[in-house]
N, C-alpha and C. Protein backbone atom coordinates (compact mmCIF):
# COMPACT_ATOMS: atom_id res chain seq x y z
N UNK A 1 2.91 20.23 0.74
CA UNK A 1 2.88 18.90 0.11
C UNK A 1 2.96 17.67 1.19
N UNK A 2 2.37 16.58 0.85
CA UNK A 2 2.29 15.50 1.71
C UNK A 2 3.43 14.48 1.01
N UNK A 3 4.10 13.99 1.80
CA UNK A 3 5.22 12.78 1.41
C UNK A 3 4.86 11.50 1.93
N UNK A 4 4.64 10.55 0.97
CA UNK A 4 4.73 9.22 1.45
C UNK A 4 5.91 8.33 1.03
N UNK A 5 6.51 7.46 2.07
CA UNK A 5 7.57 6.80 1.77
C UNK A 5 7.27 5.28 1.98
N UNK A 6 7.48 4.36 1.17
CA UNK A 6 7.21 3.09 1.40
C UNK A 6 8.52 2.32 1.58
N UNK A 7 8.63 1.22 2.18
CA UNK A 7 9.45 0.36 2.70
C UNK A 7 9.09 -1.04 2.88
N UNK A 8 9.97 -1.95 2.79
CA UNK A 8 9.81 -3.51 3.09
C UNK A 8 9.80 -4.24 1.80
N UNK A 9 9.80 -3.80 0.83
CA UNK A 9 9.85 -4.81 -0.53
C UNK A 9 11.06 -5.43 -0.58
N UNK A 10 11.02 -6.56 -1.39
CA UNK A 10 12.39 -7.20 -1.57
C UNK A 10 12.11 -8.60 -2.54
N UNK A 11 12.99 -9.26 -2.44
CA UNK A 11 12.83 -10.65 -3.05
C UNK A 11 12.61 -11.76 -2.40
N UNK A 12 11.50 -12.67 -2.46
CA UNK A 12 11.10 -13.74 -1.79
C UNK A 12 10.64 -14.88 -2.70
N UNK A 13 10.89 -16.05 -2.23
CA UNK A 13 10.28 -17.44 -2.99
C UNK A 13 8.78 -17.55 -2.79
N UNK A 14 8.18 -18.11 -3.58
CA UNK A 14 6.80 -18.28 -3.53
C UNK A 14 6.32 -18.89 -2.33
N UNK A 15 5.45 -18.57 -1.85
CA UNK A 15 4.91 -18.92 -0.45
C UNK A 15 5.36 -18.34 0.83
N UNK A 16 6.42 -17.42 0.52
CA UNK A 16 6.94 -16.41 1.78
C UNK A 16 6.17 -15.44 1.83
N UNK A 17 6.63 -14.40 2.61
CA UNK A 17 5.75 -13.35 3.28
C UNK A 17 6.68 -12.15 3.29
N UNK A 18 5.86 -11.05 3.21
CA UNK A 18 6.64 -9.68 3.26
C UNK A 18 5.67 -8.86 3.92
N UNK A 19 6.20 -7.80 4.62
CA UNK A 19 5.36 -6.67 5.26
C UNK A 19 5.82 -5.36 4.61
N UNK A 20 4.91 -4.61 4.10
CA UNK A 20 5.24 -3.37 3.44
C UNK A 20 4.60 -2.41 4.51
N UNK A 21 5.42 -1.31 4.30
CA UNK A 21 4.98 0.01 5.39
C UNK A 21 5.21 1.18 4.55
N UNK A 22 4.22 2.08 5.00
CA UNK A 22 4.09 3.41 4.30
C UNK A 22 3.75 4.41 5.29
N UNK A 23 4.81 5.59 5.43
CA UNK A 23 4.48 6.59 6.31
C UNK A 23 4.25 7.98 5.69
N UNK A 24 3.46 8.65 6.23
CA UNK A 24 3.08 9.95 5.60
C UNK A 24 3.76 11.18 6.35
N UNK A 25 4.05 12.19 5.82
CA UNK A 25 4.67 13.22 6.54
C UNK A 25 4.38 14.60 5.85
N UNK A 26 4.43 15.77 6.58
CA UNK A 26 4.04 16.93 5.99
C UNK A 26 3.54 17.93 7.14
N UNK A 27 2.73 18.85 7.00
CA UNK A 27 2.08 19.80 7.88
C UNK A 27 0.76 20.08 7.44
N UNK A 28 -0.32 20.10 8.36
CA UNK A 28 -1.60 20.69 8.07
C UNK A 28 -2.45 19.50 7.18
N UNK A 29 -2.16 18.08 7.38
CA UNK A 29 -3.09 17.28 6.55
C UNK A 29 -3.79 16.36 7.48
N UNK A 30 -4.89 15.88 6.79
CA UNK A 30 -5.70 14.84 7.58
C UNK A 30 -5.89 13.81 6.51
N UNK A 31 -5.50 12.52 6.86
CA UNK A 31 -5.82 11.55 5.91
C UNK A 31 -7.12 10.85 6.15
N UNK A 32 -7.83 10.39 5.01
CA UNK A 32 -8.86 9.76 5.12
C UNK A 32 -8.68 8.33 4.79
N UNK A 33 -8.90 7.81 3.27
CA UNK A 33 -8.61 6.37 3.02
C UNK A 33 -7.13 6.34 2.68
N UNK A 34 -6.38 5.23 3.00
CA UNK A 34 -5.25 4.94 2.58
C UNK A 34 -5.30 3.39 1.91
N UNK A 35 -4.23 3.35 0.90
CA UNK A 35 -4.42 2.04 0.18
C UNK A 35 -3.05 1.74 -0.46
N UNK A 36 -3.01 0.42 -1.08
CA UNK A 36 -1.86 0.11 -1.69
C UNK A 36 -2.23 -0.35 -3.18
N UNK A 37 -1.47 0.03 -3.98
CA UNK A 37 -1.69 -0.48 -5.68
C UNK A 37 -0.54 -1.07 -6.05
N UNK A 38 -0.54 -1.65 -7.11
CA UNK A 38 0.60 -2.26 -7.65
C UNK A 38 0.58 -2.37 -9.18
N UNK A 39 1.70 -2.35 -9.80
CA UNK A 39 1.99 -2.31 -11.32
C UNK A 39 3.03 -3.22 -11.62
N UNK A 40 2.71 -3.98 -12.26
CA UNK A 40 3.75 -5.17 -13.20
C UNK A 40 3.85 -4.64 -14.44
N UNK A 41 5.34 -4.98 -14.67
CA UNK A 41 5.65 -4.55 -16.34
C UNK A 41 4.57 -4.73 -17.30
N UNK A 42 4.35 -3.81 -18.18
CA UNK A 42 3.50 -3.93 -19.12
C UNK A 42 2.01 -3.76 -18.75
N UNK A 43 1.75 -3.73 -17.27
CA UNK A 43 0.24 -3.63 -17.07
C UNK A 43 0.03 -2.25 -16.40
N UNK A 44 -1.34 -1.95 -16.22
CA UNK A 44 -1.77 -0.70 -15.48
C UNK A 44 -1.72 -0.84 -13.89
N UNK A 45 -1.69 0.38 -13.52
CA UNK A 45 -1.76 0.21 -11.90
C UNK A 45 -3.09 -0.36 -11.34
N UNK A 46 -3.01 -1.26 -10.46
CA UNK A 46 -4.37 -1.86 -10.00
C UNK A 46 -4.40 -1.77 -8.51
N UNK A 47 -5.56 -1.71 -7.95
CA UNK A 47 -5.79 -1.53 -6.51
C UNK A 47 -5.81 -2.79 -5.89
N UNK A 48 -4.93 -2.87 -4.88
CA UNK A 48 -4.67 -4.28 -4.02
C UNK A 48 -5.63 -4.19 -2.93
N UNK A 49 -5.58 -2.89 -1.87
CA UNK A 49 -6.54 -2.83 -0.86
C UNK A 49 -6.25 -1.57 -0.26
N UNK A 50 -7.66 -1.22 0.33
CA UNK A 50 -7.80 0.18 0.99
C UNK A 50 -8.22 0.06 2.28
N UNK A 51 -8.15 1.07 3.03
CA UNK A 51 -8.58 1.11 4.45
C UNK A 51 -9.04 2.51 4.70
N UNK A 52 -10.07 2.42 5.43
CA UNK A 52 -10.54 3.88 5.76
C UNK A 52 -10.06 4.29 7.20
N UNK A 53 -10.30 5.51 7.61
CA UNK A 53 -9.69 5.99 8.87
C UNK A 53 -10.37 5.10 10.15
N UNK A 54 -11.60 4.78 9.81
CA UNK A 54 -12.25 3.91 10.79
C UNK A 54 -11.93 2.54 10.84
N UNK A 55 -11.21 2.13 9.73
CA UNK A 55 -10.66 0.68 9.78
C UNK A 55 -11.53 -0.38 8.82
N UNK A 56 -12.43 0.32 7.99
CA UNK A 56 -13.44 -0.60 7.11
C UNK A 56 -12.29 -0.96 5.80
N UNK A 57 -12.14 -2.16 5.41
CA UNK A 57 -11.33 -2.44 4.20
C UNK A 57 -11.96 -3.01 3.22
N UNK A 58 -11.12 -3.16 2.06
CA UNK A 58 -11.70 -3.69 0.78
C UNK A 58 -10.27 -4.28 0.12
N UNK A 59 -10.65 -5.43 -0.65
CA UNK A 59 -9.34 -6.10 -1.33
C UNK A 59 -9.80 -6.44 -2.72
N UNK A 60 -8.68 -6.49 -3.50
CA UNK A 60 -8.73 -7.11 -4.90
C UNK A 60 -9.07 -8.61 -4.67
N UNK A 61 -9.83 -9.14 -5.45
CA UNK A 61 -10.17 -10.51 -5.34
C UNK A 61 -8.85 -11.56 -5.48
N UNK A 62 -7.93 -11.06 -6.10
CA UNK A 62 -6.72 -11.70 -6.41
C UNK A 62 -5.95 -12.06 -5.13
N UNK A 63 -6.09 -11.11 -3.97
CA UNK A 63 -5.44 -11.04 -2.81
C UNK A 63 -6.20 -11.52 -1.56
N UNK A 64 -7.35 -11.57 -1.66
CA UNK A 64 -8.27 -11.80 -0.58
C UNK A 64 -7.96 -13.32 0.25
N UNK A 65 -7.69 -13.16 1.29
CA UNK A 65 -7.23 -14.24 2.13
C UNK A 65 -5.73 -14.40 2.35
N UNK A 66 -5.04 -13.56 1.67
CA UNK A 66 -3.44 -13.79 1.64
C UNK A 66 -2.91 -12.49 2.24
N UNK A 67 -3.50 -11.22 1.96
CA UNK A 67 -3.07 -9.91 2.17
C UNK A 67 -4.01 -9.50 3.18
N UNK A 68 -3.44 -8.59 4.19
CA UNK A 68 -4.10 -7.91 5.15
C UNK A 68 -3.58 -6.52 5.29
N UNK A 69 -4.47 -5.41 5.20
CA UNK A 69 -4.00 -4.05 5.36
C UNK A 69 -4.38 -3.65 6.56
N UNK A 70 -3.54 -2.77 7.17
CA UNK A 70 -3.83 -2.27 8.40
C UNK A 70 -3.37 -0.69 8.50
N UNK A 71 -3.47 -0.04 9.32
CA UNK A 71 -2.99 1.34 9.57
C UNK A 71 -2.96 1.61 11.10
N UNK A 72 -2.02 2.84 11.35
CA UNK A 72 -2.03 3.34 12.68
C UNK A 72 -2.14 4.94 12.20
N UNK A 73 -3.46 5.38 12.84
CA UNK A 73 -3.54 6.70 12.55
C UNK A 73 -2.71 8.01 13.40
N UNK A 74 -2.11 7.33 14.61
CA UNK A 74 -1.40 8.18 15.20
C UNK A 74 0.00 8.43 14.68
N UNK A 75 0.46 7.36 13.63
CA UNK A 75 1.75 7.46 13.21
C UNK A 75 1.57 8.05 11.67
N UNK A 76 0.31 8.05 11.25
CA UNK A 76 0.11 8.35 9.81
C UNK A 76 0.56 7.21 8.79
N UNK A 77 0.41 6.04 9.24
CA UNK A 77 1.08 5.06 8.44
C UNK A 77 0.11 4.00 8.03
N UNK A 78 0.36 3.18 7.03
CA UNK A 78 -0.30 2.13 6.64
C UNK A 78 0.61 0.82 6.46
N UNK A 79 0.01 -0.39 6.41
CA UNK A 79 0.83 -1.45 6.29
C UNK A 79 0.12 -2.42 5.30
N UNK A 80 0.72 -3.32 4.87
CA UNK A 80 0.36 -4.42 3.98
C UNK A 80 1.18 -5.77 4.36
N UNK A 81 0.52 -6.64 5.06
CA UNK A 81 0.89 -7.92 5.32
C UNK A 81 0.65 -8.89 4.10
N UNK A 82 1.68 -9.40 3.52
CA UNK A 82 1.72 -10.22 2.25
C UNK A 82 2.00 -11.74 2.60
N UNK A 83 1.00 -12.80 2.57
CA UNK A 83 1.43 -14.02 2.91
C UNK A 83 1.19 -14.90 1.72
N UNK A 84 1.60 -16.13 1.73
CA UNK A 84 1.58 -16.87 0.61
C UNK A 84 1.61 -16.32 -0.71
N UNK A 85 2.83 -15.61 -1.02
CA UNK A 85 3.22 -14.81 -2.17
C UNK A 85 3.27 -15.67 -3.14
N UNK A 86 2.89 -15.35 -4.46
CA UNK A 86 2.76 -16.01 -5.45
C UNK A 86 3.67 -15.35 -6.72
N UNK A 87 4.42 -15.85 -7.72
CA UNK A 87 5.11 -15.05 -8.61
C UNK A 87 4.14 -13.88 -9.33
N UNK A 88 2.90 -14.20 -9.47
CA UNK A 88 1.97 -13.24 -10.03
C UNK A 88 1.88 -11.98 -9.02
N UNK A 89 2.33 -12.07 -7.88
CA UNK A 89 2.15 -10.70 -7.20
C UNK A 89 3.50 -9.96 -7.21
N UNK A 90 4.46 -10.10 -8.05
CA UNK A 90 5.48 -9.54 -8.62
C UNK A 90 5.03 -8.10 -9.18
N UNK A 91 5.43 -7.01 -8.63
CA UNK A 91 4.94 -5.63 -9.06
C UNK A 91 5.85 -4.82 -8.34
N UNK A 92 5.77 -3.23 -8.72
CA UNK A 92 6.07 -2.30 -7.80
C UNK A 92 4.88 -2.02 -7.09
N UNK A 93 4.88 -1.96 -5.65
CA UNK A 93 3.82 -1.58 -4.94
C UNK A 93 3.78 0.04 -4.54
N UNK A 94 2.82 0.68 -4.69
CA UNK A 94 2.57 2.10 -4.50
C UNK A 94 1.67 2.28 -3.19
N UNK A 95 2.10 3.22 -2.29
CA UNK A 95 1.12 3.47 -1.37
C UNK A 95 0.39 4.96 -1.73
N UNK A 96 -0.88 4.89 -1.26
CA UNK A 96 -1.72 5.98 -1.71
C UNK A 96 -2.68 6.60 -0.59
N UNK A 97 -2.74 7.87 -0.45
CA UNK A 97 -3.58 8.49 0.58
C UNK A 97 -4.30 9.56 0.00
N UNK A 98 -5.63 9.25 0.40
CA UNK A 98 -6.64 10.40 0.16
C UNK A 98 -6.73 11.26 1.29
N UNK A 99 -6.00 12.49 1.08
CA UNK A 99 -6.10 13.39 2.30
C UNK A 99 -6.60 14.71 1.91
N UNK A 100 -6.93 15.53 3.06
CA UNK A 100 -7.19 16.77 3.19
C UNK A 100 -5.85 17.71 3.57
N UNK A 101 -5.32 18.74 2.79
CA UNK A 101 -4.47 19.54 3.41
C UNK A 101 -4.93 21.05 3.18
N UNK A 102 -5.10 21.45 4.47
CA UNK A 102 -5.60 22.74 4.57
C UNK A 102 -6.90 22.79 4.17
N UNK A 103 -7.57 21.81 4.22
CA UNK A 103 -9.12 21.56 3.83
C UNK A 103 -9.19 21.30 2.28
N UNK A 104 -8.07 21.18 1.73
CA UNK A 104 -8.20 20.70 0.08
C UNK A 104 -7.92 19.30 -0.01
N UNK A 105 -8.68 18.60 -0.67
CA UNK A 105 -8.56 17.06 -0.81
C UNK A 105 -7.70 16.91 -1.93
N UNK A 106 -7.01 15.78 -1.93
CA UNK A 106 -6.09 15.38 -3.10
C UNK A 106 -5.84 13.81 -2.89
N UNK A 107 -5.02 13.30 -3.92
CA UNK A 107 -4.27 12.04 -3.66
C UNK A 107 -2.93 12.12 -3.85
N UNK A 108 -2.34 11.34 -2.90
CA UNK A 108 -0.84 11.44 -2.68
C UNK A 108 -0.29 10.18 -2.91
N UNK A 109 0.98 9.99 -3.51
CA UNK A 109 1.44 8.66 -3.90
C UNK A 109 2.93 8.55 -3.59
N UNK A 110 3.43 7.34 -2.96
CA UNK A 110 4.64 7.16 -2.65
C UNK A 110 5.49 6.99 -4.01
N UNK A 111 6.72 6.65 -3.82
CA UNK A 111 7.75 6.40 -5.13
C UNK A 111 7.72 4.95 -5.43
N UNK A 112 7.07 4.09 -4.65
CA UNK A 112 7.14 2.63 -4.90
C UNK A 112 7.90 1.71 -4.52
N UNK A 113 7.88 0.54 -3.82
CA UNK A 113 8.89 -0.36 -3.57
C UNK A 113 8.47 -1.78 -4.43
N UNK A 114 9.63 -2.38 -4.87
CA UNK A 114 9.77 -3.46 -5.66
C UNK A 114 9.45 -4.78 -4.99
N UNK A 115 8.55 -5.60 -5.15
CA UNK A 115 8.33 -7.03 -4.50
C UNK A 115 8.43 -7.95 -5.80
N UNK A 116 9.42 -8.86 -5.58
CA UNK A 116 9.62 -9.88 -6.68
C UNK A 116 9.54 -11.20 -5.98
N UNK A 117 8.58 -11.90 -6.51
CA UNK A 117 8.50 -13.37 -6.09
C UNK A 117 8.82 -14.38 -6.96
N UNK A 118 9.84 -15.26 -6.64
CA UNK A 118 10.36 -16.20 -7.47
C UNK A 118 9.77 -17.61 -7.18
N UNK A 119 9.80 -18.48 -8.25
CA UNK A 119 9.00 -19.78 -8.43
C UNK A 119 10.12 -20.78 -7.75
């Protein structure tokens, strides 16, 4: 099993910043694409940003220009720098990894970290 653990969430005022981190651990796995998703109360889980192993990124339109995704392959980690936060960004943020474990592909998810932005 591949384990993903998120950290860095919290309560901030509108216009503030947070940096989320996610570290993968386990045995015999190789991570391809990693990403961040979020889910607000009463809403479905939506894509925020993804990044490939080579560094190619894509973002949801709602966060372009404000959020930056990055990764450290040596540490099996992915990060999300969140600037100019808005109340609409309030959600539980989940780390995701598309990985192969012993040559078998699968999606892995973290437990989530709460981000709350006050006005």
